[in-house]
Protein backbone atom coordinates (compact mmCIF):
# COMPACT_ATOMS: atom_id res chain seq x y z
CA MET A 1 -14.83 -35.08 5.78
CA ASN A 2 -16.80 -34.23 8.93
CA GLN A 3 -13.63 -34.50 10.97
CA GLU A 4 -11.89 -31.96 8.72
CA GLU A 5 -14.87 -29.60 8.95
CA ASP A 6 -14.95 -29.91 12.74
CA GLU A 7 -11.22 -29.18 12.87
CA LEU A 8 -11.67 -26.09 10.66
CA ASP A 9 -14.58 -24.84 12.79
CA SER A 10 -12.55 -25.35 15.95
CA LYS A 11 -9.62 -23.48 14.48
CA GLU A 12 -11.81 -20.55 13.44
CA SER A 13 -13.43 -20.37 16.87
CA VAL A 14 -9.99 -20.24 18.51
CA LEU A 15 -8.91 -17.47 16.17
CA GLN A 16 -12.13 -15.56 16.76
CA LYS A 17 -11.67 -15.80 20.53
CA TYR A 18 -8.05 -14.70 20.24
CA PHE A 19 -8.89 -11.74 18.03
CA LEU A 20 -11.64 -10.47 20.31
CA GLN A 21 -9.16 -10.50 23.18
CA GLU A 22 -6.62 -8.59 21.14
CA TRP A 23 -9.02 -6.06 19.62
CA ASN A 24 -9.27 -4.07 22.85
CA ILE A 25 -5.50 -3.71 22.85
CA VAL A 26 -5.45 -2.63 19.20
CA LYS A 27 -8.27 -0.12 19.75
CA SER A 28 -6.50 1.42 22.73
CA LEU A 29 -3.25 1.83 20.77
CA LEU A 30 -5.11 3.32 17.80
CA ASP A 31 -6.94 5.80 20.01
CA ASP A 32 -3.59 6.98 21.35
CA ILE A 33 -2.20 7.41 17.81
CA VAL A 34 -5.27 9.33 16.65
CA SER A 35 -5.35 11.61 19.71
CA ASN A 36 -1.71 12.56 19.17
CA ALA A 37 -2.03 12.67 15.35
CA ARG A 38 1.12 10.59 15.16
CA VAL A 39 2.78 7.50 16.60
CA SER A 40 4.34 8.62 19.87
CA ASP A 41 5.51 5.16 20.94
CA PRO A 42 7.15 3.00 18.23
CA SER A 43 6.44 -0.14 20.22
CA SER A 44 2.72 0.36 19.59
CA VAL A 45 3.31 -0.11 15.85
CA ARG A 46 5.13 -3.38 16.46
CA ARG A 47 2.36 -4.51 18.77
CA ILE A 48 -0.43 -3.77 16.29
CA ARG A 49 1.53 -5.23 13.39
CA SER A 50 2.25 -8.46 15.27
CA ILE A 51 -1.43 -8.86 16.14
CA VAL A 52 -2.54 -8.18 12.56
CA LEU A 53 0.03 -10.46 10.94
CA PHE A 54 -0.86 -13.23 13.35
CA PHE A 55 -3.81 -13.94 11.05
CA VAL A 56 -1.50 -14.67 8.12
CA HIS A 57 1.50 -16.43 9.62
CA GLY A 58 0.18 -17.79 12.88
CA ASP A 59 3.56 -17.36 14.56
CA TYR A 60 3.19 -13.96 16.23
CA LEU A 61 2.30 -15.23 19.68
CA HIS A 62 2.47 -12.89 22.65
CA PRO A 63 4.04 -13.68 26.00
CA PHE A 64 0.89 -12.77 27.94
CA ILE A 65 -1.01 -15.75 26.41
CA ASN A 66 -1.12 -18.52 29.00
CA PHE A 67 0.63 -21.75 28.13
CA CYS A 68 -2.51 -23.88 27.63
CA TYR A 69 -4.07 -21.36 25.26
CA TRP A 70 -0.75 -20.88 23.47
CA ARG A 71 -0.47 -24.64 22.95
CA THR A 72 -4.02 -24.78 21.58
CA VAL A 73 -3.35 -21.99 19.10
CA ILE A 74 -0.11 -23.60 17.95
CA PHE A 75 -1.97 -26.86 17.38
CA TYR A 76 -4.56 -25.27 15.14
CA LEU A 77 -2.11 -23.05 13.33
CA GLN A 78 0.04 -25.71 11.76
CA LEU A 79 1.33 -24.06 8.61
CA ASP A 80 0.31 -26.94 6.33
CA LYS A 81 -3.32 -26.68 7.53
CA TYR A 82 -3.53 -22.93 8.09
CA GLN A 83 -5.86 -20.80 6.01
CA GLU A 84 -5.83 -17.01 6.03
CA GLN A 85 -8.35 -15.50 8.41
CA GLY A 86 -8.37 -11.91 7.16
CA GLN A 87 -12.18 -11.92 7.31
CA LEU A 88 -11.91 -11.59 11.09
CA LEU A 89 -10.36 -8.15 10.60
CA GLU A 90 -12.62 -6.87 7.82
CA PRO A 91 -15.47 -5.65 10.07
CA TYR A 92 -12.93 -3.46 11.87
CA LEU A 93 -11.11 -2.10 8.83
CA GLU A 94 -12.95 1.21 8.66
CA THR A 95 -12.33 1.82 12.36
CA ILE A 96 -8.62 1.26 11.83
CA VAL A 97 -7.88 2.57 8.34
CA SER A 98 -9.98 5.76 8.10
CA PRO A 99 -8.47 7.61 11.10
CA LEU A 100 -4.94 6.54 10.20
CA MET A 101 -5.24 7.71 6.58
CA ASN A 102 -6.84 10.96 7.76
CA ILE A 103 -3.76 11.56 9.90
CA ILE A 104 -1.54 11.03 6.85
CA ARG A 105 -3.66 13.45 4.82
CA SER A 106 -4.06 16.15 7.47
CA ARG A 107 -0.43 16.13 8.61
CA THR A 108 0.80 16.26 5.02
CA LEU A 109 -1.42 19.29 4.42
CA GLU A 110 -0.25 20.85 7.65
CA LEU A 111 3.50 20.28 7.38
CA GLY A 112 3.90 20.13 3.60
CA THR A 113 6.06 17.64 1.75
CA ALA A 114 9.16 19.82 2.01
CA SER A 115 9.44 18.93 5.69
CA ASP A 116 11.41 15.82 6.65
CA GLU A 117 9.18 15.49 9.70
CA ILE A 118 6.28 14.32 7.57
CA LEU A 119 8.06 11.07 6.74
CA GLU A 120 8.78 10.39 10.40
CA ILE A 121 5.06 10.77 11.07
CA ILE A 122 3.64 8.71 8.21
CA LYS A 123 6.11 5.81 8.06
CA PRO A 124 5.02 4.07 11.27
CA ILE A 125 1.37 4.65 10.36
CA CYS A 126 1.95 3.15 6.92
CA ILE A 127 3.47 0.06 8.53
CA ILE A 128 0.13 -0.56 10.24
CA VAL A 129 -1.92 0.14 7.09
CA TYR A 130 0.30 -2.04 4.92
CA SER A 131 0.01 -4.88 7.45
CA LEU A 132 -3.75 -4.75 6.90
CA VAL A 133 -3.19 -4.84 3.14
CA THR A 134 -1.08 -7.96 3.61
CA VAL A 135 -3.81 -9.69 5.59
CA CYS A 136 -7.06 -8.49 3.98
CA GLY A 137 -5.93 -7.53 0.47
CA TYR A 138 -5.60 -4.05 -0.99
CA LYS A 139 -9.16 -3.93 -2.38
CA SER A 140 -10.68 -4.28 1.08
CA VAL A 141 -8.39 -1.66 2.63
CA ILE A 142 -8.41 1.12 0.02
CA LYS A 143 -12.19 1.49 0.32
CA PHE A 144 -11.47 3.54 3.43
CA PHE A 145 -8.79 5.82 1.96
CA PRO A 146 -9.65 9.53 1.55
CA HIS A 147 -10.49 10.33 -2.07
CA GLN A 148 -11.11 14.05 -2.51
CA VAL A 149 -10.10 15.41 -5.90
CA SER A 150 -7.67 17.83 -4.24
CA ASP A 151 -5.83 14.87 -2.71
CA LEU A 152 -4.38 13.83 -6.07
CA GLU A 153 -1.64 16.46 -6.11
CA LEU A 154 -1.08 15.93 -2.40
CA ALA A 155 -0.52 12.20 -2.85
CA VAL A 156 1.81 12.74 -5.81
CA SER A 157 3.89 15.20 -3.79
CA LEU A 158 3.99 12.77 -0.88
CA LEU A 159 5.11 9.96 -3.18
CA GLU A 160 7.79 12.25 -4.57
CA LYS A 161 9.02 12.86 -1.03
CA CYS A 162 9.08 9.13 -0.29
CA HIS A 163 10.71 8.41 -3.64
CA SER A 164 13.56 10.84 -3.02
CA THR A 165 14.39 9.24 0.33
CA ASN A 166 16.19 5.92 0.07
CA SER A 167 17.95 3.87 2.73
CA VAL A 168 21.30 2.25 2.23
CA THR A 169 19.96 -1.31 2.46
CA SER A 170 16.65 -3.00 1.78
CA LEU A 171 16.63 -4.32 5.36
CA ARG A 172 16.74 -0.81 6.75
CA GLN A 173 14.13 0.30 4.21
CA GLU A 174 11.72 -2.34 5.45
CA SER A 175 12.41 -1.80 9.15
CA THR A 176 11.89 1.96 9.02
CA GLY A 177 8.68 1.86 7.01
CA GLU A 178 9.94 3.46 3.80
CA MET A 179 8.76 0.56 1.66
CA GLU A 180 5.37 0.59 3.38
CA ALA A 181 5.03 4.35 2.93
CA LYS A 182 5.65 4.05 -0.80
CA CYS A 183 3.22 1.15 -1.17
CA VAL A 184 0.44 2.89 0.79
CA THR A 185 0.92 6.12 -1.16
CA LEU A 186 0.81 4.21 -4.46
CA LEU A 187 -2.43 2.55 -3.36
CA TRP A 188 -3.78 5.97 -2.46
CA LEU A 189 -2.96 7.13 -5.98
CA TYR A 190 -4.64 4.00 -7.35
CA ILE A 191 -7.92 5.46 -6.08
CA LEU A 192 -7.23 9.11 -6.79
CA VAL A 193 -6.36 8.70 -10.48
CA LEU A 194 -10.04 7.86 -11.01
CA VAL A 195 -11.03 11.51 -10.45
CA PRO A 196 -14.06 12.23 -12.68
CA PHE A 197 -12.37 15.17 -14.39
CA ASP A 198 -9.61 15.62 -16.90
CA ILE A 199 -6.46 15.33 -14.76
CA SER A 200 -4.97 18.39 -16.43
CA THR A 201 -7.79 20.46 -14.91
CA VAL A 202 -6.69 19.58 -11.37
CA ASP A 203 -3.00 20.19 -12.06
CA THR A 204 -2.34 23.54 -10.40
CA SER A 205 1.11 23.76 -11.98
CA ILE A 206 -0.51 24.57 -15.34
CA ALA A 207 -3.51 26.51 -14.08
CA ASN A 208 -2.18 29.75 -15.51
CA ASP A 209 0.02 28.24 -18.20
CA ASP A 210 -1.28 28.49 -21.76
CA SER A 211 1.87 27.03 -23.30
CA LEU A 212 0.78 23.38 -22.84
CA THR A 213 -0.55 22.04 -26.13
CA GLU A 214 -3.17 19.33 -26.60
CA PHE A 215 -0.42 16.91 -27.61
CA GLU A 216 1.49 17.29 -24.35
CA LEU A 217 0.85 15.49 -21.08
CA SER A 218 0.36 17.51 -17.92
CA PRO A 219 3.32 17.64 -15.51
CA LEU A 220 1.24 15.84 -12.87
CA VAL A 221 0.68 12.86 -15.16
CA LEU A 222 4.34 12.78 -16.16
CA ARG A 223 5.38 12.72 -12.51
CA ILE A 224 3.08 9.79 -11.74
CA ILE A 225 4.29 7.82 -14.75
CA GLY A 226 7.92 8.61 -13.93
CA PHE A 227 7.69 7.32 -10.36
CA CYS A 228 5.80 4.21 -11.41
CA LYS A 229 8.30 3.38 -14.15
CA ASP A 230 11.09 3.53 -11.57
CA TYR A 231 9.23 1.16 -9.25
CA LEU A 232 8.56 -1.29 -12.08
CA SER A 233 12.29 -1.99 -12.21
CA THR A 234 12.46 -2.85 -8.49
CA ALA A 235 11.68 -6.16 -6.87
CA GLY A 236 9.00 -6.35 -4.24
CA PRO A 237 5.46 -5.08 -3.66
CA MET A 238 6.16 -1.59 -5.03
CA ARG A 239 6.36 -3.11 -8.53
CA THR A 240 2.85 -4.53 -8.17
CA MET A 241 1.43 -1.30 -6.74
CA ALA A 242 3.02 0.76 -9.52
CA GLY A 243 1.55 -1.59 -12.12
CA LEU A 244 -1.89 -1.11 -10.59
CA VAL A 245 -1.58 2.68 -10.70
CA LEU A 246 -0.40 2.69 -14.32
CA SER A 247 -3.09 0.28 -15.48
CA ARG A 248 -5.77 2.51 -14.02
CA LEU A 249 -4.19 5.83 -15.03
CA LEU A 250 -3.34 4.95 -18.63
CA THR A 251 -6.74 3.44 -19.39
CA ARG A 252 -8.61 6.63 -18.49
CA PRO A 253 -10.62 8.15 -21.37
CA ASP A 254 -8.42 11.28 -21.29
CA MET A 255 -5.15 9.33 -21.40
CA PRO A 256 -4.92 7.88 -24.96
CA LYS A 257 -1.70 9.77 -25.68
CA ALA A 258 -0.08 8.59 -22.46
CA PHE A 259 -1.24 5.02 -23.08
CA THR A 260 0.13 4.94 -26.62
CA ARG A 261 3.47 6.43 -25.59
CA PHE A 262 3.89 4.07 -22.68
CA VAL A 263 3.04 0.89 -24.59
CA SER A 264 5.30 1.97 -27.46
CA ALA A 265 8.13 2.60 -25.00
CA CYS A 266 7.59 -0.84 -23.42
CA PHE A 267 7.58 -2.50 -26.82
CA LEU A 268 10.80 -0.81 -27.89
CA ALA A 269 12.46 -1.59 -24.57
CA CYS A 270 11.51 -5.26 -24.94
CA LEU A 271 13.01 -5.32 -28.42
CA VAL A 272 16.24 -3.84 -27.10
CA LEU A 273 16.39 -6.33 -24.24
CA VAL A 274 15.82 -9.26 -26.56
CA LYS A 275 18.32 -7.98 -29.09
CA PHE A 276 21.12 -7.63 -26.56
CA SER A 277 20.07 -10.72 -24.57
CA LEU A 278 19.93 -8.95 -21.25
CA ARG A 279 18.80 -10.62 -18.04
CA LEU A 280 15.44 -12.38 -18.05
CA PRO A 281 14.04 -10.48 -15.01
CA ASN A 282 14.23 -7.22 -16.94
CA ILE A 283 12.27 -8.71 -19.83
CA PHE A 284 9.71 -10.09 -17.40
CA VAL A 285 9.13 -6.70 -15.80
CA LEU A 286 8.34 -4.98 -19.08
CA SER A 287 6.28 -7.83 -20.52
CA HIS A 288 4.32 -7.92 -17.24
CA VAL A 289 3.47 -4.25 -17.67
CA VAL A 290 2.25 -4.77 -21.24
CA VAL A 291 0.03 -7.65 -20.09
CA LEU A 292 -1.72 -5.24 -17.69
CA PHE A 293 -3.23 -3.46 -20.68
CA VAL A 294 -4.25 -6.49 -22.75
C-alpha cells in the first residue's frame, strides 16, 4: 500500500513540475490573445490545448522536453495507472477563462451576430475553453463565465449563429471549433437562464408587443428550447449540454407551461417511437431527457 502511495505522490510531483514549466508558456500565449482580442496565431490554440489535455490523456508530450524527463513522464503516465490531474489547473482557471469569455462577449457585442467574422474570432477561443471543461469539468469552468442579465439574449443570438453554420463532416466540425463553440455557448446559457427575473421581461422582442398572452411562451424561450431539442437528437457533448440547459430552464418557477409542454411532447414522441419500433438510440435520447426532470 505504501509503495502505491509513494508511486502516486511521485507521479503528482512530476505532473506539478511539468505544469509549472508549461504555465509560463500558456500565460504568454493568453496575454497575446487578450491584447489582440482574438487569436492571431492558430498555432497558439493548438499549443494551449495540447498542454491542457496533457492532464487527461498523458500523451501530449512536447519536443522541447529532454529525453530523460520525457521518459520519466511516460513512466508515470501509464494509462492503466493514470488519474486525472485537473486540480493542477483549477487555481489558474479564473486567469484563463475570464479574459477569454470577456473577449467572446465584447466582440459579439461589437460585431453583432450577423457578421461571419464573429465565428472566426470565437471558435479558436472556444477550443481553449472547452479543453478546460474536458479536464476540470464544466462546473469548475462556468463559475468564471460572464453572467449579466443582458447577456441572455446575446448568448441566444450567438448560439443561433453557431447553430445555422454547419460543416460538411463531423471531422471538420471538430477541427474548426464549431462543436466547441456550440458547447461553450450552451454552457453560457446554462448560467444565464437562472436570471432572477421572468425571462419574458428581458426579451426585447416583445418589449412593445401587447399581443402575447399569458398562455404563450416568449420568443426567447422558444428559441432556446428549439435549439436544445435539435441538439438532443445529435450524438456527442452537445446533447449533454443541451440537456443541462433544458433541465435548468424548464424547472424555473416561471416556466410551468414550458415544462408541461415539453414533457408531454417527450412522452408522445416516446409512444410513437415504441409503436413504430424505431431505432433504440432515438428512444434513449428522449427517455434521457425525461429522466432529467424526475
